[in-house]
Protein backbone atom coordinates (compact mmCIF):
# COMPACT_ATOMS: atom_id res chain seq x y z
CA MET A 1 153.18 82.28 164.13
CA LYS A 2 153.25 85.22 166.41
CA ASN A 3 157.30 85.01 166.75
CA SER A 4 157.62 85.23 162.86
CA ARG A 5 154.64 88.04 162.80
CA ARG A 6 156.62 89.94 165.51
CA LYS A 7 160.10 89.70 163.51
CA LEU A 8 158.21 91.08 160.59
CA ILE A 9 157.02 94.27 162.17
CA LEU A 10 160.13 94.29 164.34
CA ALA A 11 162.06 94.70 160.85
CA GLY A 12 159.36 97.11 159.38
CA LEU A 13 160.34 99.59 162.79
CA VAL A 14 163.71 100.06 162.22
CA SER A 15 163.26 101.51 158.55
CA SER A 16 160.33 103.28 159.81
CA VAL A 17 162.57 104.79 162.70
CA LEU A 18 164.99 105.81 161.04
CA ALA A 19 162.66 107.77 158.45
CA LEU A 20 161.23 109.28 161.33
CA GLY A 21 164.16 110.39 162.70
CA SER A 22 165.12 112.31 159.49
CA LEU A 23 161.52 114.00 159.05
CA ALA A 24 163.33 117.19 157.40
CA SER A 25 164.91 115.05 154.54
CA ALA A 26 161.92 113.09 153.36
CA GLN A 27 158.95 114.81 151.17
CA PRO A 28 156.12 114.39 153.38
CA ILE A 29 152.46 115.12 152.57
CA ARG A 30 150.56 116.99 155.29
CA ALA A 31 147.26 115.72 156.67
CA GLY A 32 146.34 117.88 159.39
CA SER A 33 148.76 117.13 162.38
CA TRP A 34 149.80 113.63 160.13
CA TYR A 35 152.49 113.68 157.92
CA TYR A 36 152.25 110.74 155.05
CA TYR A 37 155.60 109.26 153.91
CA GLN A 38 155.18 107.25 151.04
CA SER A 39 157.58 104.07 150.67
CA ARG A 40 157.71 100.48 149.06
CA ASP A 41 159.93 97.82 150.04
CA PRO A 42 162.94 97.65 147.73
CA VAL A 43 163.12 94.08 147.10
CA THR A 44 159.54 92.63 147.57
CA ASN A 45 157.81 96.07 146.28
CA ALA A 46 155.03 96.04 149.81
CA ASP A 47 154.08 99.13 150.34
CA THR A 48 155.69 100.31 153.33
CA SER A 49 154.01 103.74 153.80
CA ARG A 50 153.42 105.28 156.99
CA ILE A 51 151.43 108.33 158.57
CA VAL A 52 153.45 110.01 161.93
CA ALA A 53 152.09 112.24 164.25
CA PRO A 54 155.10 114.13 166.12
CA ALA A 55 154.64 114.78 169.57
CA TYR A 56 154.82 118.51 170.88
CA GLU A 57 155.47 117.71 174.34
CA TYR A 58 158.30 114.94 175.14
CA PRO A 59 161.14 114.14 177.47
CA ARG A 60 164.26 115.65 176.99
CA GLY A 61 166.00 114.94 174.20
CA ALA A 62 163.22 112.78 172.37
CA ARG A 63 162.46 115.25 170.11
CA ASP A 64 161.84 112.70 166.90
CA SER A 65 159.22 111.24 168.67
CA GLY A 66 155.73 109.99 167.64
CA LEU A 67 153.00 108.47 166.82
CA VAL A 68 153.10 106.02 163.78
CA ILE A 69 150.90 103.72 161.70
CA GLN A 70 152.74 101.75 158.91
CA CYS A 71 151.42 99.70 156.30
CA GLN A 72 152.79 96.01 157.38
CA SER A 73 151.26 92.92 154.65
CA GLY A 74 150.56 90.24 156.51
CA ALA A 75 149.74 92.07 159.67
CA LEU A 76 146.19 92.24 161.16
CA HIS A 77 144.52 94.88 158.87
CA ASN A 78 147.72 95.73 157.13
CA VAL A 79 148.83 97.87 159.62
CA VAL A 80 151.00 98.23 162.46
CA VAL A 81 150.82 100.95 165.29
CA TYR A 82 153.40 101.81 167.35
CA PHE A 83 154.88 105.02 169.41
CA ALA A 84 158.46 105.86 168.68
CA ALA A 85 160.02 107.28 171.64
CA ASP A 86 163.47 108.51 170.56
CA THR A 87 164.94 107.36 173.64
CA TYR A 88 166.16 103.71 175.47
CA LEU A 89 163.30 102.40 177.31
CA GLY A 90 165.09 99.75 178.84
CA PRO A 91 165.87 96.36 178.29
CA ALA A 92 162.17 95.20 178.78
CA ARG A 93 160.82 93.22 176.28
CA ARG A 94 156.96 94.09 177.40
CA ILE A 95 156.18 97.30 178.71
CA VAL A 96 153.84 98.85 180.52
CA VAL A 97 151.89 102.43 179.25
CA THR A 98 148.69 104.63 180.09
CA TYR A 99 147.25 106.39 177.69
CA ARG A 100 144.80 108.70 177.21
CA LEU A 101 142.56 109.67 173.82
CA GLY A 102 141.06 112.94 174.52
CA ASN A 103 138.41 113.52 177.65
CA MET A 104 138.60 109.52 177.73
CA SER A 105 139.47 107.66 180.82
CA PRO A 106 143.01 106.34 180.93
CA VAL A 107 143.76 103.15 179.68
CA ASP A 108 146.41 100.72 180.95
CA ALA A 109 148.42 98.55 178.93
CA ILE A 110 151.57 96.36 178.47
CA TRP A 111 152.68 96.68 174.52
CA ASP A 112 155.58 94.79 173.42
CA ALA A 113 158.87 96.54 173.00
CA SER A 114 160.50 96.94 169.49
CA SER A 115 164.21 94.81 169.38
CA LEU A 116 165.91 98.36 169.92
CA ASN A 117 163.56 99.23 172.92
CA ARG A 118 163.22 102.77 171.45
CA GLU A 119 159.87 102.46 170.65
CA VAL A 120 156.38 100.25 172.09
CA ILE A 121 153.86 98.30 169.78
CA VAL A 122 150.29 98.26 170.20
CA SER A 123 149.01 94.90 170.42
CA SER A 124 147.42 93.56 167.11
CA ASP A 125 144.33 92.76 168.96
CA GLN A 126 143.86 96.39 170.32
CA GLN A 127 144.95 98.10 167.15
CA ALA A 128 141.64 98.34 165.36
CA SER A 129 139.81 99.63 168.71
CA PHE A 130 142.54 101.83 169.63
CA ILE A 131 142.26 103.84 165.90
CA SER A 132 138.62 103.76 166.14
CA ASN A 133 138.83 105.07 168.99
CA LEU A 134 141.55 107.79 167.93
CA ARG A 135 140.02 108.85 165.13
CA LEU A 136 137.20 110.07 167.52
CA ASN A 137 139.89 112.19 169.53
CA SER A 138 142.41 115.01 168.80
CA GLN A 139 144.74 114.46 171.64
CA PHE A 140 146.79 111.11 172.60
CA VAL A 141 148.71 111.23 176.00
CA LEU A 142 151.40 108.45 176.39
CA ARG A 143 153.08 107.30 179.78
CA ILE A 144 155.64 104.94 179.45
CA SER A 145 157.08 103.47 182.20
CA GLY A 146 160.37 102.82 181.07
CA SER A 147 163.11 100.88 183.46
CA ARG A 148 164.65 103.78 185.06
CA GLU A 149 162.10 106.45 184.87
CA ASP A 150 158.39 107.05 183.11
CA PHE A 151 158.50 109.19 179.79
CA THR A 152 155.53 111.42 178.94
CA TYR A 153 154.33 112.52 175.62
CA SER A 154 151.54 114.16 173.84
CA VAL A 155 150.16 114.12 170.33
CA ASP A 156 148.00 116.12 168.39
CA THR A 157 145.97 113.51 166.37
CA THR A 158 143.76 115.69 164.62
CA LEU A 159 142.17 114.59 160.91
CA LEU A 160 143.35 110.90 161.62
CA SER A 161 140.66 109.86 159.09
CA GLY A 162 142.18 112.25 156.45
CA ALA A 163 145.66 110.64 156.87
CA LEU A 164 144.01 106.99 156.84
CA THR A 165 142.63 107.59 153.52
CA ARG A 166 145.94 108.52 152.35
CA LEU A 167 147.36 105.51 153.79
CA ALA A 168 144.87 103.46 151.43
CA CYS A 169 146.61 99.75 152.84
CA TYR A 170 144.35 100.01 156.09
CA THR A 171 141.73 97.64 156.05
CA GLY A 172 140.39 97.96 159.97
CA PRO A 173 136.87 99.03 161.06
CA TRP A 174 136.33 103.04 160.78
């Protein structure tokens, strides 16, 4: 079951990363520091909409990086949460990250890498608490330990509640 869930998530990530890289070509709706992209799977008609908070500080060449919450039917709380790093993170399938939300203490975690190793996925058992804590803070700082170097990003997450309301698929705790 975990393997099929992972494949489902990774398939959704590929389309999301392509969309994140072309922010200017889509017609997003802004909600605070978040951008809402409405979309549906062309075959199943499943909701694949997402909200994206772009990074304002990022490593050289990673301009299209950001925190993404995307509708994913069958996933816990109907969403997947990941960070699109816009750079190759190395060959590892599990990646060590350290993040801080607002003034909270830093948290060390191990997140899965996407199939292209350009995104890190918040573990499904951590997503609800991650989103709840994210709602209470206006800044997310992430350090990803890549195979050759560390990558640090800063993201403004102001008004996540409004963005989540627009992303109507989320069924987790508020």
